């Protein structure tokens, strides 16, 4: 995610559409948050 943000410019965001870009970013952030929770915060020993 960081690499994509570092290489994305304003023109690319507006080409995709601001709403679409933000919706996709929020979705990817939610997936990342879920994975972090599952791996480190769920209390399950793996």
N, C-alpha and C. Protein backbone atom coordinates (compact mmCIF):
# COMPACT_ATOMS: atom_id res chain seq x y z
N UNK A 1 0.83 -1.19 0.00
CA UNK A 1 0.00 0.00 0.00
C UNK A 1 0.87 1.25 0.00
N UNK A 2 1.92 1.22 0.79
CA UNK A 2 2.80 2.38 0.87
C UNK A 2 3.47 2.64 -0.47
N UNK A 3 3.95 1.59 -1.11
CA UNK A 3 4.61 1.76 -2.41
C UNK A 3 3.65 2.36 -3.43
N UNK A 4 2.40 1.92 -3.41
CA UNK A 4 1.42 2.47 -4.35
C UNK A 4 1.18 3.94 -4.06
N UNK A 5 1.02 4.30 -2.80
CA UNK A 5 0.79 5.70 -2.45
C UNK A 5 1.99 6.57 -2.81
N UNK A 6 3.18 6.04 -2.63
CA UNK A 6 4.38 6.82 -2.93
C UNK A 6 4.52 7.08 -4.43
N UNK A 7 4.01 6.17 -5.25
CA UNK A 7 4.18 6.33 -6.70
C UNK A 7 2.95 6.90 -7.39
N UNK A 8 1.86 7.09 -6.66
CA UNK A 8 0.64 7.63 -7.26
C UNK A 8 0.68 9.14 -7.23
N UNK A 9 0.29 9.74 -8.35
CA UNK A 9 0.24 11.20 -8.39
C UNK A 9 -1.22 11.65 -8.50
N UNK A 10 -1.43 12.94 -8.39
CA UNK A 10 -2.77 13.50 -8.38
C UNK A 10 -3.51 13.16 -9.67
N UNK A 11 -2.80 13.22 -10.79
CA UNK A 11 -3.45 12.93 -12.06
C UNK A 11 -3.99 11.50 -12.10
N UNK A 12 -3.22 10.56 -11.57
CA UNK A 12 -3.66 9.16 -11.54
C UNK A 12 -4.90 8.99 -10.66
N UNK A 13 -4.93 9.71 -9.55
CA UNK A 13 -6.09 9.64 -8.66
C UNK A 13 -7.33 10.15 -9.38
N UNK A 14 -7.21 11.28 -10.05
CA UNK A 14 -8.37 11.84 -10.73
C UNK A 14 -8.74 11.05 -11.98
N UNK A 15 -7.76 10.39 -12.60
CA UNK A 15 -8.08 9.50 -13.73
C UNK A 15 -8.94 8.33 -13.26
N UNK A 16 -8.59 7.78 -12.09
CA UNK A 16 -9.39 6.68 -11.54
C UNK A 16 -10.73 7.19 -11.02
N UNK A 17 -10.72 8.40 -10.55
CA UNK A 17 -11.90 9.00 -9.92
C UNK A 17 -11.62 9.09 -8.42
N UNK A 18 -11.79 10.26 -7.87
CA UNK A 18 -11.47 10.47 -6.45
C UNK A 18 -12.29 9.55 -5.56
N UNK A 19 -13.58 9.46 -5.80
CA UNK A 19 -14.44 8.60 -4.99
C UNK A 19 -14.00 7.14 -5.08
N UNK A 20 -13.72 6.68 -6.29
CA UNK A 20 -13.29 5.30 -6.49
C UNK A 20 -11.95 5.03 -5.82
N UNK A 21 -11.02 5.97 -5.96
CA UNK A 21 -9.70 5.83 -5.32
C UNK A 21 -9.84 5.73 -3.81
N UNK A 22 -10.61 6.64 -3.23
CA UNK A 22 -10.78 6.63 -1.78
C UNK A 22 -11.52 5.40 -1.29
N UNK A 23 -12.54 4.98 -2.03
CA UNK A 23 -13.28 3.77 -1.66
C UNK A 23 -12.36 2.55 -1.69
N UNK A 24 -11.54 2.45 -2.74
CA UNK A 24 -10.60 1.32 -2.84
C UNK A 24 -9.59 1.37 -1.70
N UNK A 25 -9.06 2.56 -1.41
CA UNK A 25 -8.07 2.71 -0.35
C UNK A 25 -8.66 2.35 1.01
N UNK A 26 -9.88 2.79 1.26
CA UNK A 26 -10.55 2.46 2.53
C UNK A 26 -10.76 0.95 2.63
N UNK A 27 -11.16 0.32 1.53
CA UNK A 27 -11.34 -1.13 1.53
C UNK A 27 -10.05 -1.87 1.80
N UNK A 28 -8.96 -1.43 1.14
CA UNK A 28 -7.66 -2.07 1.36
C UNK A 28 -7.18 -1.86 2.79
N UNK A 29 -7.44 -0.68 3.35
CA UNK A 29 -7.07 -0.41 4.75
C UNK A 29 -7.85 -1.30 5.71
N UNK A 30 -9.12 -1.54 5.40
CA UNK A 30 -9.93 -2.42 6.24
C UNK A 30 -9.40 -3.85 6.22
N UNK A 31 -9.01 -4.32 5.04
CA UNK A 31 -8.43 -5.66 4.92
C UNK A 31 -7.14 -5.74 5.73
N UNK A 32 -6.30 -4.73 5.60
CA UNK A 32 -5.04 -4.71 6.36
C UNK A 32 -5.32 -4.71 7.86
N UNK A 33 -6.26 -3.89 8.29
CA UNK A 33 -6.61 -3.85 9.71
C UNK A 33 -7.11 -5.19 10.21
N UNK A 34 -7.91 -5.87 9.40
CA UNK A 34 -8.41 -7.19 9.77
C UNK A 34 -7.26 -8.19 9.90
N UNK A 35 -6.33 -8.16 8.95
CA UNK A 35 -5.18 -9.07 9.01
C UNK A 35 -4.31 -8.80 10.23
N UNK A 36 -4.10 -7.54 10.54
CA UNK A 36 -3.31 -7.20 11.74
C UNK A 36 -4.02 -7.70 12.98
N UNK A 37 -5.31 -7.51 13.04
CA UNK A 37 -6.07 -7.99 14.19
C UNK A 37 -5.96 -9.50 14.33
N UNK A 38 -6.16 -10.21 13.22
CA UNK A 38 -6.10 -11.66 13.25
C UNK A 38 -4.71 -12.17 13.66
N UNK A 39 -3.66 -11.52 13.19
CA UNK A 39 -2.30 -12.00 13.45
C UNK A 39 -1.79 -11.60 14.84
N UNK A 40 -2.18 -10.43 15.33
CA UNK A 40 -1.54 -9.92 16.53
C UNK A 40 -2.47 -9.62 17.69
N UNK A 41 -3.73 -9.41 17.44
CA UNK A 41 -4.60 -8.92 18.50
C UNK A 41 -5.76 -9.85 18.86
N UNK A 42 -5.91 -10.93 18.15
CA UNK A 42 -7.08 -11.79 18.38
C UNK A 42 -6.96 -12.64 19.63
N UNK A 43 -5.77 -12.83 20.13
CA UNK A 43 -5.58 -13.68 21.31
C UNK A 43 -5.38 -15.13 20.97
N UNK A 44 -5.56 -15.49 19.72
CA UNK A 44 -5.33 -16.87 19.30
C UNK A 44 -3.84 -17.14 19.22
N UNK A 45 -3.44 -18.30 19.70
CA UNK A 45 -2.04 -18.72 19.60
C UNK A 45 -1.91 -19.58 18.36
N UNK A 46 -1.03 -19.21 17.50
CA UNK A 46 -0.85 -19.97 16.26
C UNK A 46 0.51 -20.57 16.20
